Amino acid sequence: MSIDRAVMLFAGFMVLISLALGFYVSPYWYLLAAFVGLNLIQASLTGFCPAAMLFKRLGLKPGPAFN
């Protein structure tokens, strides 16, 4: 698995988890989904992604987006 796919997988899980928690626990959990979305936009514009840096340290191979 490449870093790019791992970042997309992680972001997808975080959005789904925050939606479920927002529905069942508290609407404030929707802020996590908003944060993930903003972080994806920021990463696409700047190329800086903390999750990509973490996955790189864990030894995943880089893809075309995050080298």
N, C-alpha and C. Protein backbone atom coordinates (compact mmCIF):
# COMPACT_ATOMS: atom_id res chain seq x y z
N MET A 1 0.85 -1.17 0.00
CA MET A 1 0.00 0.00 0.00
C MET A 1 0.89 1.23 0.00
N SER A 2 0.54 2.21 -0.82
CA SER A 2 1.31 3.44 -0.89
C SER A 2 0.81 4.44 0.15
N ILE A 3 1.61 5.47 0.36
CA ILE A 3 1.24 6.51 1.32
C ILE A 3 -0.05 7.19 0.88
N ASP A 4 -0.20 7.41 -0.42
CA ASP A 4 -1.40 8.09 -0.94
C ASP A 4 -2.67 7.33 -0.57
N ARG A 5 -2.64 6.03 -0.80
CA ARG A 5 -3.82 5.21 -0.50
C ARG A 5 -4.06 5.14 1.00
N ALA A 6 -2.99 5.07 1.78
CA ALA A 6 -3.15 5.02 3.24
C ALA A 6 -3.77 6.31 3.76
N VAL A 7 -3.37 7.45 3.21
CA VAL A 7 -3.94 8.74 3.63
C VAL A 7 -5.42 8.78 3.29
N MET A 8 -5.78 8.36 2.08
CA MET A 8 -7.19 8.37 1.69
C MET A 8 -8.01 7.41 2.55
N LEU A 9 -7.45 6.23 2.85
CA LEU A 9 -8.14 5.26 3.70
C LEU A 9 -8.33 5.81 5.10
N PHE A 10 -7.30 6.40 5.66
CA PHE A 10 -7.37 6.98 7.00
C PHE A 10 -8.40 8.12 7.05
N ALA A 11 -8.37 9.00 6.05
CA ALA A 11 -9.32 10.11 6.02
C ALA A 11 -10.76 9.60 5.89
N GLY A 12 -10.96 8.59 5.07
CA GLY A 12 -12.30 8.02 4.92
C GLY A 12 -12.82 7.43 6.22
N PHE A 13 -11.95 6.68 6.93
CA PHE A 13 -12.35 6.12 8.21
C PHE A 13 -12.67 7.22 9.22
N MET A 14 -11.85 8.27 9.24
CA MET A 14 -12.08 9.35 10.20
C MET A 14 -13.41 10.06 9.92
N VAL A 15 -13.74 10.27 8.66
CA VAL A 15 -15.01 10.91 8.33
C VAL A 15 -16.17 10.02 8.73
N LEU A 16 -16.10 8.73 8.41
CA LEU A 16 -17.19 7.83 8.76
C LEU A 16 -17.36 7.69 10.27
N ILE A 17 -16.25 7.61 10.99
CA ILE A 17 -16.31 7.52 12.45
C ILE A 17 -16.92 8.79 13.04
N SER A 18 -16.50 9.94 12.52
CA SER A 18 -17.04 11.20 13.07
C SER A 18 -18.52 11.35 12.75
N LEU A 19 -18.96 10.88 11.59
CA LEU A 19 -20.38 10.94 11.27
C LEU A 19 -21.19 10.03 12.19
N ALA A 20 -20.68 8.84 12.45
CA ALA A 20 -21.39 7.93 13.36
C ALA A 20 -21.43 8.49 14.77
N LEU A 21 -20.30 9.01 15.25
CA LEU A 21 -20.28 9.59 16.59
C LEU A 21 -21.16 10.84 16.68
N GLY A 22 -21.20 11.61 15.61
CA GLY A 22 -22.06 12.79 15.59
C GLY A 22 -23.53 12.42 15.64
N PHE A 23 -23.89 11.33 15.02
CA PHE A 23 -25.29 10.89 15.01
C PHE A 23 -25.69 10.26 16.34
N TYR A 24 -24.82 9.41 16.90
CA TYR A 24 -25.17 8.65 18.09
C TYR A 24 -24.75 9.29 19.41
N VAL A 25 -23.71 10.12 19.41
CA VAL A 25 -23.18 10.63 20.68
C VAL A 25 -23.45 12.13 20.84
N SER A 26 -22.85 12.93 19.98
CA SER A 26 -22.99 14.38 20.09
C SER A 26 -22.73 15.03 18.73
N PRO A 27 -23.50 16.04 18.38
CA PRO A 27 -23.27 16.72 17.11
C PRO A 27 -21.90 17.40 17.01
N TYR A 28 -21.24 17.62 18.13
CA TYR A 28 -19.92 18.23 18.09
C TYR A 28 -18.90 17.35 17.37
N TRP A 29 -19.16 16.06 17.25
CA TRP A 29 -18.24 15.18 16.53
C TRP A 29 -18.20 15.50 15.04
N TYR A 30 -19.20 16.21 14.52
CA TYR A 30 -19.18 16.62 13.11
C TYR A 30 -18.02 17.56 12.82
N LEU A 31 -17.53 18.22 13.86
CA LEU A 31 -16.37 19.09 13.69
C LEU A 31 -15.13 18.30 13.27
N LEU A 32 -15.05 17.05 13.69
CA LEU A 32 -13.92 16.21 13.27
C LEU A 32 -13.98 15.97 11.76
N ALA A 33 -15.17 15.72 11.22
CA ALA A 33 -15.32 15.54 9.78
C ALA A 33 -14.93 16.82 9.04
N ALA A 34 -15.31 17.97 9.58
CA ALA A 34 -14.92 19.24 8.98
C ALA A 34 -13.42 19.44 9.02
N PHE A 35 -12.79 19.07 10.13
CA PHE A 35 -11.33 19.18 10.24
C PHE A 35 -10.63 18.29 9.22
N VAL A 36 -11.10 17.07 9.06
CA VAL A 36 -10.51 16.15 8.09
C VAL A 36 -10.64 16.71 6.68
N GLY A 37 -11.82 17.24 6.36
CA GLY A 37 -12.02 17.83 5.04
C GLY A 37 -11.11 19.03 4.79
N LEU A 38 -11.00 19.90 5.78
CA LEU A 38 -10.10 21.04 5.64
C LEU A 38 -8.65 20.62 5.51
N ASN A 39 -8.26 19.58 6.24
CA ASN A 39 -6.90 19.08 6.15
C ASN A 39 -6.63 18.48 4.77
N LEU A 40 -7.60 17.81 4.17
CA LEU A 40 -7.43 17.28 2.82
C LEU A 40 -7.26 18.41 1.80
N ILE A 41 -8.06 19.47 1.96
CA ILE A 41 -7.92 20.61 1.06
C ILE A 41 -6.54 21.25 1.22
N GLN A 42 -6.13 21.47 2.46
CA GLN A 42 -4.83 22.06 2.75
C GLN A 42 -3.70 21.21 2.18
N ALA A 43 -3.79 19.89 2.33
CA ALA A 43 -2.75 18.99 1.83
C ALA A 43 -2.68 19.02 0.31
N SER A 44 -3.83 19.16 -0.34
CA SER A 44 -3.81 19.19 -1.81
C SER A 44 -3.19 20.49 -2.32
N LEU A 45 -3.33 21.57 -1.58
CA LEU A 45 -2.78 22.85 -2.02
C LEU A 45 -1.31 23.03 -1.66
N THR A 46 -0.90 22.52 -0.50
CA THR A 46 0.46 22.76 -0.03
C THR A 46 1.38 21.56 -0.14
N GLY A 47 0.81 20.36 -0.18
CA GLY A 47 1.64 19.15 -0.19
C GLY A 47 2.07 18.71 1.20
N PHE A 48 1.69 19.45 2.23
CA PHE A 48 2.04 19.10 3.61
C PHE A 48 0.89 18.32 4.23
N CYS A 49 1.17 17.10 4.66
CA CYS A 49 0.15 16.27 5.28
C CYS A 49 0.77 15.51 6.46
N PRO A 50 0.35 15.80 7.68
CA PRO A 50 0.91 15.10 8.83
C PRO A 50 0.69 13.59 8.77
N ALA A 51 -0.46 13.15 8.26
CA ALA A 51 -0.71 11.71 8.16
C ALA A 51 0.27 11.07 7.18
N ALA A 52 0.58 11.75 6.08
CA ALA A 52 1.53 11.21 5.11
C ALA A 52 2.92 11.09 5.73
N MET A 53 3.28 12.08 6.56
CA MET A 53 4.57 12.01 7.23
C MET A 53 4.63 10.82 8.19
N LEU A 54 3.53 10.57 8.88
CA LEU A 54 3.47 9.43 9.79
C LEU A 54 3.57 8.11 9.04
N PHE A 55 2.82 7.99 7.95
CA PHE A 55 2.87 6.74 7.18
C PHE A 55 4.23 6.53 6.54
N LYS A 56 4.91 7.61 6.17
CA LYS A 56 6.27 7.48 5.62
C LYS A 56 7.22 6.94 6.68
N ARG A 57 7.07 7.44 7.91
CA ARG A 57 7.91 6.93 9.02
C ARG A 57 7.62 5.47 9.34
N LEU A 58 6.39 5.04 9.08
CA LEU A 58 6.02 3.65 9.31
C LEU A 58 6.51 2.72 8.21
N GLY A 59 7.07 3.31 7.14
CA GLY A 59 7.71 2.50 6.11
C GLY A 59 6.89 2.26 4.85
N LEU A 60 5.79 2.95 4.69
CA LEU A 60 5.01 2.78 3.47
C LEU A 60 5.75 3.46 2.31
N LYS A 61 5.60 2.90 1.13
CA LYS A 61 6.28 3.46 -0.04
C LYS A 61 5.50 4.68 -0.55
N PRO A 62 6.23 5.67 -1.04
CA PRO A 62 5.55 6.87 -1.54
C PRO A 62 4.81 6.60 -2.84
N GLY A 63 3.75 7.35 -3.05
CA GLY A 63 3.00 7.31 -4.29
C GLY A 63 3.25 8.58 -5.07
N PRO A 64 2.46 8.84 -6.09
CA PRO A 64 2.70 10.03 -6.90
C PRO A 64 2.37 11.34 -6.18
N ALA A 65 1.48 11.34 -5.19
CA ALA A 65 1.09 12.59 -4.53
C ALA A 65 2.03 12.97 -3.41
N PHE A 66 2.39 12.05 -2.54
CA PHE A 66 3.23 12.35 -1.38
C PHE A 66 4.56 11.60 -1.53
N ASN A 67 5.60 12.34 -1.88
CA ASN A 67 6.93 11.73 -2.04
C ASN A 67 7.76 11.88 -0.81
